[in-house]
Amino acid sequence: MKSVLFFFLGLLAISLGRADAFSPKPNLAGVRLGTVRSTSVSQAPPVHVSVAVPNTILFGKKAARAQGNERKNRPVREKKVKDDVIEVEGTVLESLPNAMFRCAIDGAPETQEPVLATISGKIRKNFVKILVGDTVTIELSPYDLTRGRITFRKR
């Protein structure tokens, strides 16, 4: 059907003698121009007709949903290796004033005293709520293993 339409457009251009009316227009964002040659019985030179063909088949909401699927298939980000801190997992035992928490380190003996941890800046900035009983990742300084910084809250 498209080829028949292009054939008639070519004949119309030849009959009018103005092939420049069908010359390519400036390319719009997200549209690529396809070129079609029409042939006729006479020995006239071929005429190039530009047709706007969208880059993607999906439009609107479906295109947005497709981008969401691409985001889900993205590989997992690799964390930078930190040499100057010790990362451990723990459980929040008690909430204290000034965004301080007492946390028990997972896998540590019960006789070990809990770590006093504060919230890191990124978690505080993004208003992540930490409750008693949450599993968290704590960064400990090798110089003082009784204090730490909560860097991640597990869901």
C-alpha atoms as a PDB file:
ATOM      1  CA  MET A   1       0.000   0.000   0.000  1.00  0.00           C
ATOM      2  CA  LYS A   2       2.820   2.391   0.879  1.00  0.00           C
ATOM      3  CA  SER A   3       4.664   1.629  -2.344  1.00  0.00           C
ATOM      4  CA  VAL A   4       1.564   2.486  -4.400  1.00  0.00           C
ATOM      5  CA  LEU A   5       1.199   5.765  -2.497  1.00  0.00           C
ATOM      6  CA  PHE A   6       4.850   6.643  -3.074  1.00  0.00           C
ATOM      7  CA  PHE A   7       4.493   5.773  -6.754  1.00  0.00           C
ATOM      8  CA  PHE A   8       1.613   8.223  -7.144  1.00  0.00           C
ATOM      9  CA  LEU A   9       3.492  10.902  -5.205  1.00  0.00           C
ATOM     10  CA  GLY A  10       6.404  10.446  -7.605  1.00  0.00           C
ATOM     11  CA  LEU A  11       4.154  10.733 -10.629  1.00  0.00           C
ATOM     12  CA  LEU A  12       2.610  13.883  -9.193  1.00  0.00           C
ATOM     13  CA  ALA A  13       6.056  15.398  -8.635  1.00  0.00           C
ATOM     14  CA  ILE A  14       7.155  14.584 -12.179  1.00  0.00           C
ATOM     15  CA  SER A  15       3.940  15.918 -13.708  1.00  0.00           C
ATOM     16  CA  LEU A  16       4.248  19.205 -11.841  1.00  0.00           C
ATOM     17  CA  GLY A  17       7.911  19.517 -12.771  1.00  0.00           C
ATOM     18  CA  ARG A  18       8.743  20.675  -9.265  1.00  0.00           C
ATOM     19  CA  ALA A  19      10.679  17.989  -7.467  1.00  0.00           C
ATOM     20  CA  ASP A  20      11.998  20.554  -4.961  1.00  0.00           C
ATOM     21  CA  ALA A  21       8.536  20.656  -3.328  1.00  0.00           C
ATOM     22  CA  PHE A  22       9.270  17.188  -1.981  1.00  0.00           C
ATOM     23  CA  SER A  23      12.840  17.872  -0.878  1.00  0.00           C
ATOM     24  CA  PRO A  24      13.771  16.858   2.680  1.00  0.00           C
ATOM     25  CA  LYS A  25      12.710  19.288   5.383  1.00  0.00           C
ATOM     26  CA  PRO A  26      14.849  19.937   8.490  1.00  0.00           C
ATOM     27  CA  ASN A  27      14.927  16.794  10.626  1.00  0.00           C
ATOM     28  CA  LEU A  28      12.729  16.915  13.721  1.00  0.00           C
ATOM     29  CA  ALA A  29      13.932  15.416  17.017  1.00  0.00           C
ATOM     30  CA  GLY A  30      13.132  11.715  17.295  1.00  0.00           C
ATOM     31  CA  VAL A  31      12.292  11.334  13.576  1.00  0.00           C
ATOM     32  CA  ARG A  32      14.488   9.848  10.899  1.00  0.00           C
ATOM     33  CA  LEU A  33      13.953  10.508   7.237  1.00  0.00           C
ATOM     34  CA  GLY A  34      13.563   7.615   4.835  1.00  0.00           C
ATOM     35  CA  THR A  35      14.159   8.057   1.111  1.00  0.00           C
ATOM     36  CA  VAL A  36      12.006   6.366  -1.506  1.00  0.00           C
ATOM     37  CA  ARG A  37      12.708   6.277  -5.230  1.00  0.00           C
ATOM     38  CA  SER A  38       9.854   6.192  -7.637  1.00  0.00           C
ATOM     39  CA  THR A  39      10.188   4.870 -11.145  1.00  0.00           C
ATOM     40  CA  SER A  40       7.959   5.596 -14.085  1.00  0.00           C
ATOM     41  CA  VAL A  41       7.668   4.424 -17.651  1.00  0.00           C
ATOM     42  CA  SER A  42       9.346   7.520 -19.083  1.00  0.00           C
ATOM     43  CA  GLN A  43      13.095   8.083 -18.726  1.00  0.00           C
ATOM     44  CA  ALA A  44      12.743  10.900 -16.180  1.00  0.00           C
ATOM     45  CA  PRO A  45      15.376  11.085 -13.427  1.00  0.00           C
ATOM     46  CA  PRO A  46      14.408   9.393 -10.139  1.00  0.00           C
ATOM     47  CA  VAL A  47      12.746  11.616  -7.560  1.00  0.00           C
ATOM     48  CA  HIS A  48      13.603  11.395  -3.859  1.00  0.00           C
ATOM     49  CA  VAL A  49      10.614  11.701  -1.559  1.00  0.00           C
ATOM     50  CA  SER A  50      11.199  11.994   2.181  1.00  0.00           C
ATOM     51  CA  VAL A  51       8.857  10.285   4.599  1.00  0.00           C
ATOM     52  CA  ALA A  52       8.893  10.790   8.364  1.00  0.00           C
ATOM     53  CA  VAL A  53       9.260   7.459  10.171  1.00  0.00           C
ATOM     54  CA  PRO A  54       9.392   7.501  14.004  1.00  0.00           C
ATOM     55  CA  ASN A  55      12.362   5.823  15.710  1.00  0.00           C
ATOM     56  CA  THR A  56      10.204   3.747  18.014  1.00  0.00           C
ATOM     57  CA  ILE A  57       6.943   1.928  17.608  1.00  0.00           C
ATOM     58  CA  LEU A  58       5.777   2.686  21.158  1.00  0.00           C
ATOM     59  CA  PHE A  59       4.243   6.046  22.026  1.00  0.00           C
ATOM     60  CA  GLY A  60       3.101   7.720  25.233  1.00  0.00           C
ATOM     61  CA  LYS A  61       2.523   5.532  28.268  1.00  0.00           C
ATOM     62  CA  LYS A  62       3.743   2.355  26.588  1.00  0.00           C
ATOM     63  CA  ALA A  63       7.093   3.976  25.812  1.00  0.00           C
ATOM     64  CA  ALA A  64       7.423   5.071  29.448  1.00  0.00           C
ATOM     65  CA  ARG A  65       6.654   1.535  30.598  1.00  0.00           C
ATOM     66  CA  ALA A  66       9.292   0.154  28.240  1.00  0.00           C
ATOM     67  CA  GLN A  67      11.887   2.465  29.796  1.00  0.00           C
ATOM     68  CA  GLY A  68      10.930   1.095  33.209  1.00  0.00           C
ATOM     69  CA  ASN A  69      11.676  -2.426  31.992  1.00  0.00           C
ATOM     70  CA  GLU A  70      15.100  -1.296  30.783  1.00  0.00           C
ATOM     71  CA  ARG A  71      15.785   0.131  34.240  1.00  0.00           C
ATOM     72  CA  LYS A  72      14.917  -3.192  35.899  1.00  0.00           C
ATOM     73  CA  ASN A  73      17.293  -5.108  33.623  1.00  0.00           C
ATOM     74  CA  ARG A  74      20.198  -2.790  34.431  1.00  0.00           C
ATOM     75  CA  PRO A  75      23.158  -4.549  36.085  1.00  0.00           C
ATOM     76  CA  VAL A  76      23.701  -4.092  39.815  1.00  0.00           C
ATOM     77  CA  ARG A  77      25.992  -1.208  40.731  1.00  0.00           C
ATOM     78  CA  GLU A  78      29.334  -2.194  42.176  1.00  0.00           C
ATOM     79  CA  LYS A  79      30.217  -0.597  45.500  1.00  0.00           C
ATOM     80  CA  LYS A  80      33.565   1.074  45.937  1.00  0.00           C
ATOM     81  CA  VAL A  81      35.914  -0.818  48.224  1.00  0.00           C
ATOM     82  CA  LYS A  82      36.584   1.185  51.398  1.00  0.00           C
ATOM     83  CA  ASP A  83      39.955   0.506  52.977  1.00  0.00           C
ATOM     84  CA  ASP A  84      39.696   2.880  55.932  1.00  0.00           C
ATOM     85  CA  VAL A  85      36.457   1.544  57.512  1.00  0.00           C
ATOM     86  CA  ILE A  86      35.015  -1.781  58.660  1.00  0.00           C
ATOM     87  CA  GLU A  87      31.490  -2.526  57.422  1.00  0.00           C
ATOM     88  CA  VAL A  88      29.324  -4.781  59.594  1.00  0.00           C
ATOM     89  CA  GLU A  89      25.640  -5.640  59.726  1.00  0.00           C
ATOM     90  CA  GLY A  90      23.679  -5.051  62.880  1.00  0.00           C
ATOM     91  CA  THR A  91      20.252  -4.657  64.439  1.00  0.00           C
ATOM     92  CA  VAL A  92      18.972  -1.476  66.074  1.00  0.00           C
ATOM     93  CA  LEU A  93      18.331  -2.122  69.786  1.00  0.00           C
ATOM     94  CA  GLU A  94      17.492   1.340  71.076  1.00  0.00           C
ATOM     95  CA  SER A  95      16.756   4.791  69.695  1.00  0.00           C
ATOM     96  CA  LEU A  96      18.508   7.673  71.470  1.00  0.00           C
ATOM     97  CA  PRO A  97      18.216  11.471  71.129  1.00  0.00           C
ATOM     98  CA  ASN A  98      20.134  13.397  68.449  1.00  0.00           C
ATOM     99  CA  ALA A  99      19.791  10.632  65.831  1.00  0.00           C
ATOM    100  CA  MET A 100      21.891   8.151  67.820  1.00  0.00           C
ATOM    101  CA  PHE A 101      21.186   4.430  68.048  1.00  0.00           C
ATOM    102  CA  ARG A 102      22.473   1.463  70.033  1.00  0.00           C
ATOM    103  CA  CYS A 103      23.069  -1.391  67.619  1.00  0.00           C
ATOM    104  CA  ALA A 104      24.045  -5.009  68.185  1.00  0.00           C
ATOM    105  CA  ILE A 105      26.434  -6.456  65.620  1.00  0.00           C
ATOM    106  CA  ASP A 106      25.092  -9.610  63.948  1.00  0.00           C
ATOM    107  CA  GLY A 107      27.207 -12.671  64.687  1.00  0.00           C
ATOM    108  CA  ALA A 108      28.888 -11.091  67.714  1.00  0.00           C
ATOM    109  CA  PRO A 109      28.626 -12.765  71.139  1.00  0.00           C
ATOM    110  CA  GLU A 110      25.903 -11.448  73.429  1.00  0.00           C
ATOM    111  CA  THR A 111      28.517 -10.386  75.974  1.00  0.00           C
ATOM    112  CA  GLN A 112      29.848  -7.743  73.564  1.00  0.00           C
ATOM    113  CA  GLU A 113      28.456  -4.303  74.346  1.00  0.00           C
ATOM    114  CA  PRO A 114      26.326  -2.622  71.643  1.00  0.00           C
ATOM    115  CA  VAL A 115      27.788  -0.086  69.232  1.00  0.00           C
ATOM    116  CA  LEU A 116      26.731   3.552  69.487  1.00  0.00           C
ATOM    117  CA  ALA A 117      25.878   4.594  65.917  1.00  0.00           C
ATOM    118  CA  THR A 118      24.703   7.797  64.279  1.00  0.00           C
ATOM    119  CA  ILE A 119      22.975   8.274  60.925  1.00  0.00           C
ATOM    120  CA  SER A 120      25.159   9.107  57.932  1.00  0.00           C
ATOM    121  CA  GLY A 121      24.546  12.330  56.041  1.00  0.00           C
ATOM    122  CA  LYS A 122      22.911  10.773  52.974  1.00  0.00           C
ATOM    123  CA  ILE A 123      20.365   8.872  55.050  1.00  0.00           C
ATOM    124  CA  ARG A 124      19.635  11.961  57.147  1.00  0.00           C
ATOM    125  CA  LYS A 125      19.302  14.129  54.035  1.00  0.00           C
ATOM    126  CA  ASN A 126      16.839  11.713  52.400  1.00  0.00           C
ATOM    127  CA  PHE A 127      14.765  11.379  55.602  1.00  0.00           C
ATOM    128  CA  VAL A 128      15.162   7.591  55.867  1.00  0.00           C
ATOM    129  CA  LYS A 129      13.348   6.472  58.999  1.00  0.00           C
ATOM    130  CA  ILE A 130      15.223   3.991  61.189  1.00  0.00           C
ATOM    131  CA  LEU A 131      13.169   2.063  63.743  1.00  0.00           C
ATOM    132  CA  VAL A 132      14.045  -0.302  66.580  1.00  0.00           C
ATOM    133  CA  GLY A 133      14.521  -3.794  65.153  1.00  0.00           C
ATOM    134  CA  ASP A 134      15.707  -2.683  61.705  1.00  0.00           C
ATOM    135  CA  THR A 135      18.690  -4.404  60.129  1.00  0.00           C
ATOM    136  CA  VAL A 136      21.310  -1.815  59.187  1.00  0.00           C
ATOM    137  CA  THR A 137      24.822  -1.628  57.753  1.00  0.00           C
ATOM    138  CA  ILE A 138      27.268   0.100  60.085  1.00  0.00           C
ATOM    139  CA  GLU A 139      30.683   1.537  59.255  1.00  0.00           C
ATOM    140  CA  LEU A 140      33.151   1.255  62.137  1.00  0.00           C
ATOM    141  CA  SER A 141      36.411   3.116  62.436  1.00  0.00           C
ATOM    142  CA  PRO A 142      39.387   0.815  63.068  1.00  0.00           C
ATOM    143  CA  TYR A 143      40.486   3.204  65.836  1.00  0.00           C
ATOM    144  CA  ASP A 144      37.238   3.136  67.863  1.00  0.00           C
ATOM    145  CA  LEU A 145      35.112   0.001  67.487  1.00  0.00           C
ATOM    146  CA  THR A 146      32.465   1.229  69.943  1.00  0.00           C
ATOM    147  CA  ARG A 147      31.169   4.014  67.669  1.00  0.00           C
ATOM    148  CA  GLY A 148      29.903   3.806  64.120  1.00  0.00           C
ATOM    149  CA  ARG A 149      27.881   5.350  61.320  1.00  0.00           C
ATOM    150  CA  ILE A 150      24.681   3.807  59.888  1.00  0.00           C
ATOM    151  CA  THR A 151      25.060   3.888  56.104  1.00  0.00           C
ATOM    152  CA  PHE A 152      22.238   1.628  54.907  1.00  0.00           C
ATOM    153  CA  ARG A 153      18.871   0.383  56.181  1.00  0.00           C
ATOM    154  CA  LYS A 154      17.678  -3.012  54.943  1.00  0.00           C
ATOM    155  CA  ARG A 155      14.022  -3.261  54.017  1.00  0.00           C
END
